[in-house]
Amino acid sequence: LATNISQGIKETFNFTPQVRVEETVVIEQNTPIFEVATVARDLAVEYSWSHQWLGSTKTIALRGTFTAKAGFDLKEPFSLDIQKYPLKVQARMPAPKILSIQLNSYRIIHDESGWWNRISDSDRESAVQALQQIAREKAQNSGILAEARSTIEQRIKEIVEQNGAMVEFKYPWQEK
């Protein structure tokens, strides 16, 4: 059971979790990668900014598309505990997190300097950074973390049940 489940996870997610049978480690965690993304979601984000100085207004408006990826940091413990009687697997996983926010493209919707209040390169850089920060916040609030958790739980459940056992998920970060 331990070998079959760890092999199924390795084939699906490209890493091997630590597997214990009745508190004895039978398979050590092996992670050739340090993160596993289980969900990717495209986001559209808009940002606008204006500044007025002595009656002269400068304005910037941007629209960007991003890809947010969520999953698990495998430097944190990820283990499977197998109980023989009754046959049950307890999966312990780290908290899901946003792994990356990739800016795919952006376009300037509006970029206008005032008469003596000119838009600078640093204004434009700040606008792009603000656009990226809004994308990160939008991803964080989009439910992507719950989806990442649900996706990995469903896949692990399929692998465990194919091998004749039941699974229970434990999250050490929730127990504190």
N, C-alpha and C. Protein backbone atom coordinates (compact mmCIF):
# COMPACT_ATOMS: atom_id res chain seq x y z
N LEU A 1 0.84 -1.19 0.00
CA LEU A 1 0.00 0.00 0.00
C LEU A 1 0.88 1.25 0.00
N ALA A 2 1.89 1.28 0.87
CA ALA A 2 2.78 2.44 0.96
C ALA A 2 3.47 2.70 -0.38
N THR A 3 3.98 1.67 -1.00
CA THR A 3 4.68 1.82 -2.28
C THR A 3 3.72 2.26 -3.37
N ASN A 4 2.55 1.67 -3.44
CA ASN A 4 1.58 2.01 -4.48
C ASN A 4 1.12 3.46 -4.36
N ILE A 5 0.82 3.90 -3.14
CA ILE A 5 0.35 5.27 -2.94
C ILE A 5 1.46 6.27 -3.25
N SER A 6 2.67 6.02 -2.72
CA SER A 6 3.76 6.97 -2.99
C SER A 6 4.10 7.00 -4.47
N GLN A 7 4.02 5.87 -5.16
CA GLN A 7 4.27 5.84 -6.60
C GLN A 7 3.19 6.61 -7.36
N GLY A 8 1.93 6.46 -6.93
CA GLY A 8 0.84 7.21 -7.57
C GLY A 8 1.01 8.71 -7.40
N ILE A 9 1.42 9.14 -6.22
CA ILE A 9 1.66 10.58 -5.99
C ILE A 9 2.85 11.05 -6.80
N LYS A 10 3.89 10.23 -6.87
CA LYS A 10 5.08 10.60 -7.65
C LYS A 10 4.71 10.76 -9.12
N GLU A 11 3.93 9.86 -9.67
CA GLU A 11 3.53 9.94 -11.08
C GLU A 11 2.64 11.16 -11.33
N THR A 12 1.80 11.50 -10.38
CA THR A 12 0.87 12.62 -10.56
C THR A 12 1.52 13.98 -10.31
N PHE A 13 2.30 14.09 -9.23
CA PHE A 13 2.82 15.40 -8.80
C PHE A 13 4.34 15.54 -8.91
N ASN A 14 5.05 14.49 -9.29
CA ASN A 14 6.50 14.50 -9.48
C ASN A 14 7.27 14.72 -8.17
N PHE A 15 6.76 14.19 -7.07
CA PHE A 15 7.50 14.16 -5.81
C PHE A 15 6.99 12.99 -4.99
N THR A 16 7.80 12.54 -4.05
CA THR A 16 7.44 11.43 -3.18
C THR A 16 7.29 11.95 -1.76
N PRO A 17 6.13 11.78 -1.14
CA PRO A 17 5.97 12.22 0.25
C PRO A 17 6.61 11.21 1.20
N GLN A 18 6.85 11.63 2.44
CA GLN A 18 7.31 10.68 3.46
C GLN A 18 6.12 9.78 3.79
N VAL A 19 6.36 8.46 3.88
CA VAL A 19 5.29 7.52 4.20
C VAL A 19 5.71 6.74 5.44
N ARG A 20 4.82 6.72 6.44
CA ARG A 20 5.06 5.98 7.67
C ARG A 20 3.96 4.94 7.83
N VAL A 21 4.35 3.75 8.28
CA VAL A 21 3.39 2.71 8.62
C VAL A 21 3.52 2.47 10.11
N GLU A 22 2.44 2.75 10.84
CA GLU A 22 2.44 2.58 12.29
C GLU A 22 3.66 3.25 12.92
N GLU A 23 3.90 4.54 12.55
CA GLU A 23 4.96 5.38 13.11
C GLU A 23 6.38 5.04 12.63
N THR A 24 6.54 4.06 11.74
CA THR A 24 7.86 3.72 11.19
C THR A 24 7.96 4.26 9.77
N VAL A 25 9.00 5.05 9.52
CA VAL A 25 9.18 5.61 8.18
C VAL A 25 9.60 4.49 7.24
N VAL A 26 8.81 4.27 6.19
CA VAL A 26 9.14 3.24 5.20
C VAL A 26 9.57 3.85 3.87
N ILE A 27 9.18 5.09 3.61
CA ILE A 27 9.59 5.79 2.40
C ILE A 27 9.92 7.23 2.80
N GLU A 28 11.12 7.69 2.46
CA GLU A 28 11.53 9.06 2.78
C GLU A 28 11.01 10.02 1.72
N GLN A 29 10.74 11.24 2.15
CA GLN A 29 10.30 12.27 1.22
C GLN A 29 11.42 12.58 0.24
N ASN A 30 11.08 12.65 -1.04
CA ASN A 30 12.04 12.94 -2.09
C ASN A 30 11.42 13.99 -2.99
N THR A 31 12.01 15.18 -3.01
CA THR A 31 11.43 16.27 -3.80
C THR A 31 12.48 16.84 -4.75
N PRO A 32 12.46 16.41 -6.02
CA PRO A 32 13.38 17.00 -7.00
C PRO A 32 13.00 18.45 -7.32
N ILE A 33 11.77 18.81 -7.01
CA ILE A 33 11.30 20.19 -7.16
C ILE A 33 10.91 20.67 -5.78
N PHE A 34 10.81 21.97 -5.60
CA PHE A 34 10.51 22.50 -4.28
C PHE A 34 9.09 23.00 -4.13
N GLU A 35 8.35 23.07 -5.23
CA GLU A 35 6.96 23.51 -5.19
C GLU A 35 6.16 22.67 -6.18
N VAL A 36 4.92 22.45 -5.85
CA VAL A 36 4.02 21.80 -6.80
C VAL A 36 2.78 22.68 -6.94
N ALA A 37 2.56 23.14 -8.18
CA ALA A 37 1.38 23.96 -8.47
C ALA A 37 0.24 23.03 -8.84
N THR A 38 -0.90 23.22 -8.20
CA THR A 38 -2.06 22.38 -8.50
C THR A 38 -3.15 23.15 -9.23
N VAL A 39 -3.06 24.49 -9.22
CA VAL A 39 -4.08 25.31 -9.87
C VAL A 39 -3.40 26.52 -10.53
N ALA A 40 -3.84 26.83 -11.73
CA ALA A 40 -3.41 28.07 -12.40
C ALA A 40 -4.69 28.80 -12.83
N ARG A 41 -4.69 30.10 -12.63
CA ARG A 41 -5.88 30.89 -12.96
C ARG A 41 -5.45 32.19 -13.62
N ASP A 42 -6.13 32.54 -14.71
CA ASP A 42 -5.87 33.80 -15.39
C ASP A 42 -6.67 34.91 -14.72
N LEU A 43 -6.04 36.08 -14.61
CA LEU A 43 -6.68 37.24 -13.98
C LEU A 43 -6.55 38.46 -14.88
N ALA A 44 -7.58 39.27 -14.93
CA ALA A 44 -7.53 40.56 -15.61
C ALA A 44 -7.60 41.62 -14.52
N VAL A 45 -6.66 42.59 -14.59
CA VAL A 45 -6.55 43.59 -13.54
C VAL A 45 -6.42 44.97 -14.17
N GLU A 46 -7.06 45.96 -13.54
CA GLU A 46 -6.94 47.35 -14.00
C GLU A 46 -6.45 48.22 -12.85
N TYR A 47 -5.71 49.25 -13.22
CA TYR A 47 -5.19 50.19 -12.23
C TYR A 47 -5.17 51.58 -12.86
N SER A 48 -5.59 52.56 -12.09
CA SER A 48 -5.48 53.95 -12.57
C SER A 48 -4.98 54.83 -11.44
N TRP A 49 -4.28 55.89 -11.83
CA TRP A 49 -3.66 56.78 -10.86
C TRP A 49 -3.59 58.17 -11.48
N SER A 50 -3.80 59.16 -10.65
CA SER A 50 -3.63 60.53 -11.12
C SER A 50 -3.04 61.37 -10.01
N HIS A 51 -2.38 62.44 -10.39
CA HIS A 51 -1.75 63.34 -9.44
C HIS A 51 -1.92 64.76 -9.95
N GLN A 52 -2.35 65.62 -9.05
CA GLN A 52 -2.55 67.02 -9.44
C GLN A 52 -1.56 67.90 -8.66
N TRP A 53 -0.95 68.83 -9.38
CA TRP A 53 -0.01 69.75 -8.77
C TRP A 53 -0.14 71.11 -9.44
N LEU A 54 -0.49 72.10 -8.69
CA LEU A 54 -0.70 73.46 -9.19
C LEU A 54 -1.65 73.50 -10.39
N GLY A 55 -2.73 72.75 -10.30
CA GLY A 55 -3.74 72.76 -11.35
C GLY A 55 -3.39 71.92 -12.58
N SER A 56 -2.25 71.23 -12.56
CA SER A 56 -1.82 70.40 -13.68
C SER A 56 -1.93 68.93 -13.24
N THR A 57 -2.66 68.13 -14.02
CA THR A 57 -2.93 66.74 -13.63
C THR A 57 -2.26 65.77 -14.60
N LYS A 58 -1.59 64.76 -14.01
CA LYS A 58 -1.06 63.66 -14.81
C LYS A 58 -1.84 62.40 -14.44
N THR A 59 -2.10 61.56 -15.45
CA THR A 59 -2.95 60.38 -15.25
C THR A 59 -2.35 59.18 -15.97
N ILE A 60 -2.41 58.02 -15.29
CA ILE A 60 -1.99 56.75 -15.89
C ILE A 60 -3.09 55.74 -15.61
N ALA A 61 -3.46 54.95 -16.61
CA ALA A 61 -4.40 53.84 -16.44
C ALA A 61 -3.84 52.64 -17.20
N LEU A 62 -3.79 51.49 -16.53
CA LEU A 62 -3.23 50.27 -17.11
C LEU A 62 -4.23 49.12 -17.00
N ARG A 63 -4.12 48.19 -17.91
CA ARG A 63 -4.89 46.94 -17.85
C ARG A 63 -3.91 45.81 -18.12
N GLY A 64 -3.90 44.82 -17.23
CA GLY A 64 -2.96 43.71 -17.37
C GLY A 64 -3.63 42.37 -17.25
N THR A 65 -2.99 41.37 -17.85
CA THR A 65 -3.43 39.98 -17.69
C THR A 65 -2.31 39.23 -16.99
N PHE A 66 -2.69 38.41 -16.02
CA PHE A 66 -1.76 37.67 -15.18
C PHE A 66 -2.17 36.21 -15.12
N THR A 67 -1.21 35.35 -14.80
CA THR A 67 -1.50 33.97 -14.46
C THR A 67 -1.03 33.75 -13.03
N ALA A 68 -1.97 33.38 -12.18
CA ALA A 68 -1.65 33.08 -10.78
C ALA A 68 -1.58 31.56 -10.64
N LYS A 69 -0.54 31.10 -9.94
CA LYS A 69 -0.39 29.66 -9.68
C LYS A 69 -0.37 29.46 -8.17
N ALA A 70 -1.14 28.47 -7.73
CA ALA A 70 -1.21 28.14 -6.31
C ALA A 70 -0.92 26.66 -6.14
N GLY A 71 -0.36 26.35 -4.99
CA GLY A 71 -0.03 24.95 -4.70
C GLY A 71 0.66 24.85 -3.36
N PHE A 72 1.72 24.03 -3.32
CA PHE A 72 2.34 23.70 -2.04
C PHE A 72 3.85 23.84 -2.10
N ASP A 73 4.41 24.34 -1.00
CA ASP A 73 5.85 24.45 -0.82
C ASP A 73 6.32 23.12 -0.25
N LEU A 74 7.10 22.37 -1.02
CA LEU A 74 7.50 21.03 -0.60
C LEU A 74 8.71 21.03 0.32
N LYS A 75 9.22 22.21 0.67
CA LYS A 75 10.26 22.27 1.69
C LYS A 75 9.63 22.08 3.06
N GLU A 76 8.33 22.25 3.14
CA GLU A 76 7.59 22.00 4.37
C GLU A 76 7.17 20.53 4.38
N PRO A 77 6.97 19.95 5.57
CA PRO A 77 6.64 18.52 5.65
C PRO A 77 5.35 18.15 4.92
N PHE A 78 5.42 17.07 4.19
CA PHE A 78 4.29 16.50 3.48
C PHE A 78 4.41 15.00 3.69
N SER A 79 3.52 14.41 4.48
CA SER A 79 3.69 12.99 4.80
C SER A 79 2.37 12.24 4.76
N LEU A 80 2.51 10.92 4.66
CA LEU A 80 1.37 10.01 4.70
C LEU A 80 1.62 9.01 5.82
N ASP A 81 0.68 8.90 6.74
CA ASP A 81 0.77 7.92 7.83
C ASP A 81 -0.25 6.83 7.55
N ILE A 82 0.21 5.58 7.50
CA ILE A 82 -0.68 4.45 7.22
C ILE A 82 -0.92 3.68 8.51
N GLN A 83 -2.18 3.51 8.82
CA GLN A 83 -2.60 2.73 9.99
C GLN A 83 -3.12 1.41 9.45
N LYS A 84 -2.64 0.30 10.02
CA LYS A 84 -3.01 -1.02 9.49
C LYS A 84 -4.43 -1.45 9.88
N TYR A 85 -4.81 -1.23 11.14
CA TYR A 85 -6.11 -1.71 11.60
C TYR A 85 -6.88 -0.60 12.29
N PRO A 86 -7.96 -0.12 11.74
CA PRO A 86 -8.47 -0.35 10.39
C PRO A 86 -7.58 0.37 9.38
N LEU A 87 -7.56 -0.14 8.16
CA LEU A 87 -6.69 0.39 7.11
C LEU A 87 -7.11 1.82 6.77
N LYS A 88 -6.21 2.77 7.09
CA LYS A 88 -6.52 4.18 6.90
C LYS A 88 -5.22 4.93 6.63
N VAL A 89 -5.29 5.95 5.78
CA VAL A 89 -4.15 6.80 5.48
C VAL A 89 -4.46 8.20 5.99
N GLN A 90 -3.51 8.78 6.69
CA GLN A 90 -3.65 10.16 7.16
C GLN A 90 -2.61 10.99 6.40
N ALA A 91 -3.09 11.93 5.60
CA ALA A 91 -2.21 12.80 4.81
C ALA A 91 -2.00 14.10 5.55
N ARG A 92 -0.75 14.46 5.79
CA ARG A 92 -0.40 15.73 6.44
C ARG A 92 0.27 16.60 5.39
N MET A 93 -0.33 17.77 5.16
CA MET A 93 0.15 18.64 4.09
C MET A 93 0.37 20.06 4.61
N PRO A 94 1.31 20.77 3.97
CA PRO A 94 1.49 22.17 4.34
C PRO A 94 0.32 23.00 3.83
N ALA A 95 0.25 24.23 4.27
CA ALA A 95 -0.80 25.14 3.81
C ALA A 95 -0.58 25.48 2.34
N PRO A 96 -1.65 25.55 1.55
CA PRO A 96 -1.49 25.99 0.17
C PRO A 96 -1.10 27.46 0.14
N LYS A 97 -0.39 27.86 -0.90
CA LYS A 97 0.01 29.26 -1.00
C LYS A 97 0.09 29.68 -2.47
N ILE A 98 0.08 30.98 -2.67
CA ILE A 98 0.29 31.52 -4.01
C ILE A 98 1.77 31.31 -4.33
N LEU A 99 2.05 30.58 -5.38
CA LEU A 99 3.44 30.29 -5.75
C LEU A 99 4.00 31.34 -6.70
N SER A 100 3.15 31.85 -7.58
CA SER A 100 3.64 32.88 -8.51
C SER A 100 2.48 33.68 -9.08
N ILE A 101 2.80 34.91 -9.43
CA ILE A 101 1.89 35.78 -10.17
C ILE A 101 2.70 36.25 -11.38
N GLN A 102 2.36 35.75 -12.53
CA GLN A 102 3.11 36.07 -13.75
C GLN A 102 2.36 37.11 -14.57
N LEU A 103 3.04 38.20 -14.88
CA LEU A 103 2.48 39.23 -15.74
C LEU A 103 2.61 38.75 -17.18
N ASN A 104 1.49 38.46 -17.82
CA ASN A 104 1.51 37.98 -19.21
C ASN A 104 1.62 39.15 -20.18
N SER A 105 0.81 40.17 -19.93
CA SER A 105 0.85 41.36 -20.78
C SER A 105 0.14 42.50 -20.07
N TYR A 106 0.48 43.70 -20.48
CA TYR A 106 -0.28 44.85 -20.01
C TYR A 106 -0.30 45.88 -21.11
N ARG A 107 -1.31 46.72 -21.05
CA ARG A 107 -1.36 47.81 -22.02
C ARG A 107 -1.75 49.08 -21.29
N ILE A 108 -1.30 50.15 -21.85
CA ILE A 108 -1.59 51.46 -21.29
C ILE A 108 -2.91 51.92 -21.89
N ILE A 109 -3.90 52.11 -21.04
CA ILE A 109 -5.20 52.57 -21.49
C ILE A 109 -5.19 54.10 -21.62
N HIS A 110 -4.52 54.72 -20.66
CA HIS A 110 -4.48 56.19 -20.66
C HIS A 110 -3.16 56.61 -20.01
N ASP A 111 -2.46 57.51 -20.65
CA ASP A 111 -1.17 58.02 -20.17
C ASP A 111 -1.08 59.47 -20.61
N GLU A 112 -1.35 60.38 -19.70
CA GLU A 112 -1.41 61.78 -20.08
C GLU A 112 -0.71 62.65 -19.04
N SER A 113 0.22 63.45 -19.49
CA SER A 113 0.92 64.39 -18.62
C SER A 113 0.16 65.71 -18.57
N GLY A 114 0.33 66.41 -17.46
CA GLY A 114 -0.20 67.77 -17.36
C GLY A 114 0.78 68.75 -17.98
N TRP A 115 0.44 70.02 -17.97
CA TRP A 115 1.30 71.03 -18.59
C TRP A 115 2.68 71.07 -17.97
N TRP A 116 2.76 71.11 -16.65
CA TRP A 116 4.06 71.14 -15.99
C TRP A 116 4.22 70.00 -14.98
N ASN A 117 3.22 69.16 -14.93
CA ASN A 117 3.23 67.98 -14.06
C ASN A 117 3.36 66.75 -14.96
N ARG A 118 4.60 66.46 -15.38
CA ARG A 118 4.85 65.44 -16.38
C ARG A 118 4.93 64.03 -15.76
N ILE A 119 4.52 63.02 -16.53
CA ILE A 119 4.66 61.63 -16.09
C ILE A 119 6.12 61.23 -16.28
N SER A 120 6.69 60.65 -15.23
CA SER A 120 8.09 60.22 -15.28
C SER A 120 8.16 58.70 -15.46
N ASP A 121 9.36 58.20 -15.76
CA ASP A 121 9.56 56.76 -15.86
C ASP A 121 9.27 56.08 -14.52
N SER A 122 9.61 56.76 -13.43
CA SER A 122 9.33 56.16 -12.10
C SER A 122 7.82 56.10 -11.83
N ASP A 123 7.04 57.05 -12.36
CA ASP A 123 5.58 56.98 -12.25
C ASP A 123 5.05 55.74 -12.97
N ARG A 124 5.59 55.49 -14.15
CA ARG A 124 5.16 54.32 -14.93
C ARG A 124 5.56 53.01 -14.22
N GLU A 125 6.78 52.97 -13.70
CA GLU A 125 7.23 51.78 -12.97
C GLU A 125 6.37 51.54 -11.74
N SER A 126 6.05 52.59 -11.03
CA SER A 126 5.19 52.47 -9.84
C SER A 126 3.81 51.97 -10.22
N ALA A 127 3.29 52.39 -11.35
CA ALA A 127 1.97 51.95 -11.81
C ALA A 127 1.98 50.46 -12.12
N VAL A 128 3.05 49.98 -12.77
CA VAL A 128 3.15 48.54 -13.09
C VAL A 128 3.28 47.74 -11.80
N GLN A 129 4.06 48.24 -10.83
CA GLN A 129 4.18 47.55 -9.54
C GLN A 129 2.84 47.51 -8.81
N ALA A 130 2.10 48.59 -8.86
CA ALA A 130 0.77 48.63 -8.23
C ALA A 130 -0.18 47.65 -8.92
N LEU A 131 -0.09 47.54 -10.25
CA LEU A 131 -0.90 46.59 -11.01
C LEU A 131 -0.59 45.16 -10.55
N GLN A 132 0.70 44.87 -10.35
CA GLN A 132 1.10 43.54 -9.88
C GLN A 132 0.61 43.27 -8.47
N GLN A 133 0.66 44.26 -7.61
CA GLN A 133 0.18 44.09 -6.24
C GLN A 133 -1.33 43.84 -6.21
N ILE A 134 -2.06 44.54 -7.04
CA ILE A 134 -3.51 44.32 -7.13
C ILE A 134 -3.79 42.90 -7.62
N ALA A 135 -3.00 42.43 -8.58
CA ALA A 135 -3.17 41.06 -9.09
C ALA A 135 -2.93 40.04 -7.98
N ARG A 136 -1.90 40.26 -7.16
CA ARG A 136 -1.60 39.35 -6.04
C ARG A 136 -2.78 39.33 -5.05
N GLU A 137 -3.30 40.50 -4.71
CA GLU A 137 -4.43 40.58 -3.78
C GLU A 137 -5.68 39.94 -4.38
N LYS A 138 -5.90 40.16 -5.68
CA LYS A 138 -7.06 39.56 -6.34
C LYS A 138 -6.94 38.03 -6.34
N ALA A 139 -5.75 37.53 -6.59
CA ALA A 139 -5.53 36.07 -6.58
C ALA A 139 -5.78 35.53 -5.17
N GLN A 140 -5.23 36.21 -4.17
CA GLN A 140 -5.37 35.78 -2.77
C GLN A 140 -6.84 35.68 -2.36
N ASN A 141 -7.67 36.59 -2.87
CA ASN A 141 -9.09 36.63 -2.50
C ASN A 141 -9.99 35.88 -3.47
N SER A 142 -9.41 35.21 -4.46
CA SER A 142 -10.22 34.58 -5.51
C SER A 142 -10.67 33.16 -5.19
N GLY A 143 -10.20 32.60 -4.09
CA GLY A 143 -10.53 31.21 -3.78
C GLY A 143 -9.55 30.22 -4.37
N ILE A 144 -8.46 30.71 -4.95
CA ILE A 144 -7.49 29.83 -5.60
C ILE A 144 -6.80 28.91 -4.58
N LEU A 145 -6.61 29.38 -3.34
CA LEU A 145 -5.97 28.54 -2.32
C LEU A 145 -6.87 27.37 -1.94
N ALA A 146 -8.15 27.63 -1.78
CA ALA A 146 -9.10 26.55 -1.48
C ALA A 146 -9.17 25.57 -2.64
N GLU A 147 -9.09 26.09 -3.86
CA GLU A 147 -9.11 25.22 -5.04
C GLU A 147 -7.86 24.37 -5.12
N ALA A 148 -6.69 24.94 -4.76
CA ALA A 148 -5.44 24.18 -4.76
C ALA A 148 -5.52 23.04 -3.76
N ARG A 149 -6.05 23.35 -2.59
CA ARG A 149 -6.21 22.32 -1.54
C ARG A 149 -7.18 21.24 -1.98
N SER A 150 -8.31 21.64 -2.53
CA SER A 150 -9.32 20.69 -2.99
C SER A 150 -8.79 19.79 -4.11
N THR A 151 -8.03 20.39 -5.02
CA THR A 151 -7.49 19.62 -6.15
C THR A 151 -6.54 18.53 -5.68
N ILE A 152 -5.61 18.89 -4.78
CA ILE A 152 -4.65 17.89 -4.32
C ILE A 152 -5.35 16.83 -3.45
N GLU A 153 -6.31 17.25 -2.64
CA GLU A 153 -7.06 16.29 -1.82
C GLU A 153 -7.79 15.28 -2.69
N GLN A 154 -8.45 15.77 -3.74
CA GLN A 154 -9.20 14.88 -4.62
C GLN A 154 -8.28 13.87 -5.30
N ARG A 155 -7.14 14.34 -5.76
CA ARG A 155 -6.22 13.45 -6.47
C ARG A 155 -5.62 12.41 -5.52
N ILE A 156 -5.23 12.85 -4.31
CA ILE A 156 -4.68 11.90 -3.33
C ILE A 156 -5.75 10.89 -2.91
N LYS A 157 -6.98 11.37 -2.73
CA LYS A 157 -8.09 10.48 -2.37
C LYS A 157 -8.28 9.40 -3.44
N GLU A 158 -8.22 9.79 -4.72
CA GLU A 158 -8.35 8.82 -5.81
C GLU A 158 -7.25 7.77 -5.73
N ILE A 159 -6.01 8.21 -5.52
CA ILE A 159 -4.87 7.30 -5.47
C ILE A 159 -5.01 6.34 -4.29
N VAL A 160 -5.36 6.86 -3.12
CA VAL A 160 -5.49 6.02 -1.92
C VAL A 160 -6.64 5.03 -2.07
N GLU A 161 -7.79 5.50 -2.55
CA GLU A 161 -8.95 4.61 -2.68
C GLU A 161 -8.73 3.55 -3.75
N GLN A 162 -7.95 3.84 -4.78
CA GLN A 162 -7.62 2.82 -5.79
C GLN A 162 -6.83 1.68 -5.15
N ASN A 163 -6.18 1.97 -4.04
CA ASN A 163 -5.38 0.97 -3.35
C ASN A 163 -6.09 0.40 -2.13
N GLY A 164 -7.40 0.60 -2.04
CA GLY A 164 -8.22 -0.06 -1.04
C GLY A 164 -8.22 0.54 0.35
N ALA A 165 -7.85 1.79 0.48
CA ALA A 165 -7.84 2.42 1.81
C ALA A 165 -8.67 3.69 1.80
N MET A 166 -8.93 4.21 2.99
CA MET A 166 -9.60 5.49 3.15
C MET A 166 -8.54 6.51 3.52
N VAL A 167 -8.83 7.79 3.27
CA VAL A 167 -7.86 8.83 3.61
C VAL A 167 -8.50 9.92 4.46
N GLU A 168 -7.70 10.45 5.35
CA GLU A 168 -8.11 11.58 6.19
C GLU A 168 -7.02 12.63 6.04
N PHE A 169 -7.40 13.89 5.88
CA PHE A 169 -6.43 14.97 5.68
C PHE A 169 -6.25 15.75 6.97
N LYS A 170 -4.99 16.00 7.31
CA LYS A 170 -4.63 16.79 8.49
C LYS A 170 -3.75 17.94 8.02
N TYR A 171 -4.03 19.08 8.57
CA TYR A 171 -3.24 20.27 8.24
C TYR A 171 -2.64 20.81 9.52
N PRO A 172 -1.34 20.59 9.72
CA PRO A 172 -0.69 21.05 10.96
C PRO A 172 -0.89 22.56 11.19
N TRP A 173 -0.99 23.34 10.15
CA TRP A 173 -1.17 24.78 10.28
C TRP A 173 -2.55 25.13 10.80
N GLN A 174 -3.52 24.21 10.74
CA GLN A 174 -4.85 24.47 11.29
C GLN A 174 -4.95 24.04 12.74
N GLU A 175 -4.04 23.19 13.20
CA GLU A 175 -4.10 22.63 14.54
C GLU A 175 -3.56 23.59 15.59
N LYS A 176 -2.88 24.64 15.18
CA LYS A 176 -2.25 25.56 16.13
C LYS A 176 -3.24 26.46 16.81
